[in-house]
Amino acid sequence: MCEVIKNHWGEYYVDTAEHFFDVGLRKITEIVGCIDHQLIFIGKNYDTNDANNYPSLKYKTYLMKNSNLKWDIVKTELID
């Protein structure tokens, strides 16, 4: 994934390659949004016996920008 930003002219563009980030999930099923400066995703990851294309554990993952303006995972919680 990469970050898409809106410049001061109102145009959208993909930010530099240094802003690529990983959400720690095998599959993203929902982008909840950006709340209190945190990007929130819901998705799936593997359980011990899951087949390669069928992760079964559902997670909510929170990301925040660090002091270097890169997205870091700050919390992951198992849901359902």
C-alpha atoms as a PDB file:
ATOM      1  CA  MET A   1       0.000   0.000   0.000  1.00  0.00           C
ATOM      2  CA  CYS A   2       1.068   3.566  -0.438  1.00  0.00           C
ATOM      3  CA  GLU A   3      -0.143   6.925   0.749  1.00  0.00           C
ATOM      4  CA  VAL A   4      -2.210   9.155  -1.541  1.00  0.00           C
ATOM      5  CA  ILE A   5      -2.198  12.820  -0.545  1.00  0.00           C
ATOM      6  CA  LYS A   6      -4.007  15.921  -1.707  1.00  0.00           C
ATOM      7  CA  ASN A   7      -1.788  18.900  -2.529  1.00  0.00           C
ATOM      8  CA  HIS A   8      -2.700  22.539  -1.913  1.00  0.00           C
ATOM      9  CA  TRP A   9      -4.234  22.767  -5.438  1.00  0.00           C
ATOM     10  CA  GLY A  10      -6.686  19.982  -4.586  1.00  0.00           C
ATOM     11  CA  GLU A  11      -4.996  17.352  -6.773  1.00  0.00           C
ATOM     12  CA  TYR A  12      -4.301  13.836  -5.509  1.00  0.00           C
ATOM     13  CA  TYR A  13      -0.957  12.090  -5.951  1.00  0.00           C
ATOM     14  CA  VAL A  14       0.970   9.097  -4.587  1.00  0.00           C
ATOM     15  CA  ASP A  15       3.514  10.240  -2.011  1.00  0.00           C
ATOM     16  CA  THR A  16       7.204   9.259  -2.331  1.00  0.00           C
ATOM     17  CA  ALA A  17       8.341   5.635  -2.121  1.00  0.00           C
ATOM     18  CA  GLU A  18       9.553   6.182   1.454  1.00  0.00           C
ATOM     19  CA  HIS A  19       5.913   6.307   2.546  1.00  0.00           C
ATOM     20  CA  PHE A  20       4.998   2.758   1.518  1.00  0.00           C
ATOM     21  CA  PHE A  21       3.617   0.866   4.486  1.00  0.00           C
ATOM     22  CA  ASP A  22       2.555  -2.569   5.630  1.00  0.00           C
ATOM     23  CA  VAL A  23      -0.596  -3.184   7.680  1.00  0.00           C
ATOM     24  CA  GLY A  24       0.542  -6.616   8.911  1.00  0.00           C
ATOM     25  CA  LEU A  25      -2.451  -8.409   7.387  1.00  0.00           C
ATOM     26  CA  ARG A  26      -2.647 -11.019   4.617  1.00  0.00           C
ATOM     27  CA  LYS A  27      -5.886  -9.542   3.301  1.00  0.00           C
ATOM     28  CA  ILE A  28      -7.614  -6.209   3.941  1.00  0.00           C
ATOM     29  CA  THR A  29     -11.403  -6.496   3.993  1.00  0.00           C
ATOM     30  CA  GLU A  30     -12.306  -2.978   5.130  1.00  0.00           C
ATOM     31  CA  ILE A  31     -10.671   0.419   5.468  1.00  0.00           C
ATOM     32  CA  VAL A  32     -12.387   1.878   8.517  1.00  0.00           C
ATOM     33  CA  GLY A  33     -10.820   5.310   8.047  1.00  0.00           C
ATOM     34  CA  CYS A  34      -8.551   7.795   9.738  1.00  0.00           C
ATOM     35  CA  ILE A  35      -9.665   8.557  13.299  1.00  0.00           C
ATOM     36  CA  ASP A  36      -7.572  10.586  15.783  1.00  0.00           C
ATOM     37  CA  HIS A  37      -4.551  10.458  13.424  1.00  0.00           C
ATOM     38  CA  GLN A  38      -4.752   6.655  13.242  1.00  0.00           C
ATOM     39  CA  LEU A  39      -5.431   4.678  10.062  1.00  0.00           C
ATOM     40  CA  ILE A  40      -7.671   1.744  10.916  1.00  0.00           C
ATOM     41  CA  PHE A  41      -8.009  -1.422   8.831  1.00  0.00           C
ATOM     42  CA  ILE A  42      -9.943  -4.653   9.265  1.00  0.00           C
ATOM     43  CA  GLY A  43      -8.605  -7.747   7.613  1.00  0.00           C
ATOM     44  CA  LYS A  44      -7.555 -11.356   7.909  1.00  0.00           C
ATOM     45  CA  ASN A  45      -4.420 -13.212   8.847  1.00  0.00           C
ATOM     46  CA  TYR A  46      -3.466 -16.859   9.126  1.00  0.00           C
ATOM     47  CA  ASP A  47      -4.288 -19.286  11.883  1.00  0.00           C
ATOM     48  CA  THR A  48      -1.923 -22.232  12.397  1.00  0.00           C
ATOM     49  CA  ASN A  49      -3.599 -24.612   9.914  1.00  0.00           C
ATOM     50  CA  ASP A  50      -4.966 -22.157   7.335  1.00  0.00           C
ATOM     51  CA  ALA A  51      -4.359 -22.784   3.633  1.00  0.00           C
ATOM     52  CA  ASN A  52      -2.250 -20.198   1.785  1.00  0.00           C
ATOM     53  CA  ASN A  53      -5.150 -18.243   0.249  1.00  0.00           C
ATOM     54  CA  TYR A  54      -7.647 -18.663   3.100  1.00  0.00           C
ATOM     55  CA  PRO A  55      -6.670 -16.748   6.241  1.00  0.00           C
ATOM     56  CA  SER A  56      -9.371 -17.183   8.881  1.00  0.00           C
ATOM     57  CA  LEU A  57      -8.492 -14.873  11.783  1.00  0.00           C
ATOM     58  CA  LYS A  58     -10.119 -11.417  11.669  1.00  0.00           C
ATOM     59  CA  TYR A  59      -8.110  -8.451  13.006  1.00  0.00           C
ATOM     60  CA  LYS A  60      -8.426  -4.709  13.434  1.00  0.00           C
ATOM     61  CA  THR A  61      -5.094  -2.935  12.914  1.00  0.00           C
ATOM     62  CA  TYR A  62      -4.203   0.641  13.878  1.00  0.00           C
ATOM     63  CA  LEU A  63      -1.375   2.626  12.273  1.00  0.00           C
ATOM     64  CA  MET A  64       0.097   6.030  13.194  1.00  0.00           C
ATOM     65  CA  LYS A  65       2.851   8.135  11.676  1.00  0.00           C
ATOM     66  CA  ASN A  66       6.096   8.063  13.626  1.00  0.00           C
ATOM     67  CA  SER A  67       8.577  10.929  14.049  1.00  0.00           C
ATOM     68  CA  ASN A  68      10.015  10.120  10.589  1.00  0.00           C
ATOM     69  CA  LEU A  69       6.508  10.478   9.068  1.00  0.00           C
ATOM     70  CA  LYS A  70       6.304   6.754   8.285  1.00  0.00           C
ATOM     71  CA  TRP A  71       3.287   4.603   9.189  1.00  0.00           C
ATOM     72  CA  ASP A  72       3.848   2.126  12.024  1.00  0.00           C
ATOM     73  CA  ILE A  73       1.486  -0.472  13.436  1.00  0.00           C
ATOM     74  CA  VAL A  74       0.593   0.678  16.953  1.00  0.00           C
ATOM     75  CA  LYS A  75      -2.033  -1.915  17.832  1.00  0.00           C
ATOM     76  CA  THR A  76      -3.534  -5.102  16.402  1.00  0.00           C
ATOM     77  CA  GLU A  77      -6.553  -6.734  17.975  1.00  0.00           C
ATOM     78  CA  LEU A  78      -8.265 -10.017  17.203  1.00  0.00           C
ATOM     79  CA  ILE A  79     -11.984  -9.467  16.580  1.00  0.00           C
ATOM     80  CA  ASP A  80     -14.981 -11.818  16.149  1.00  0.00           C
END
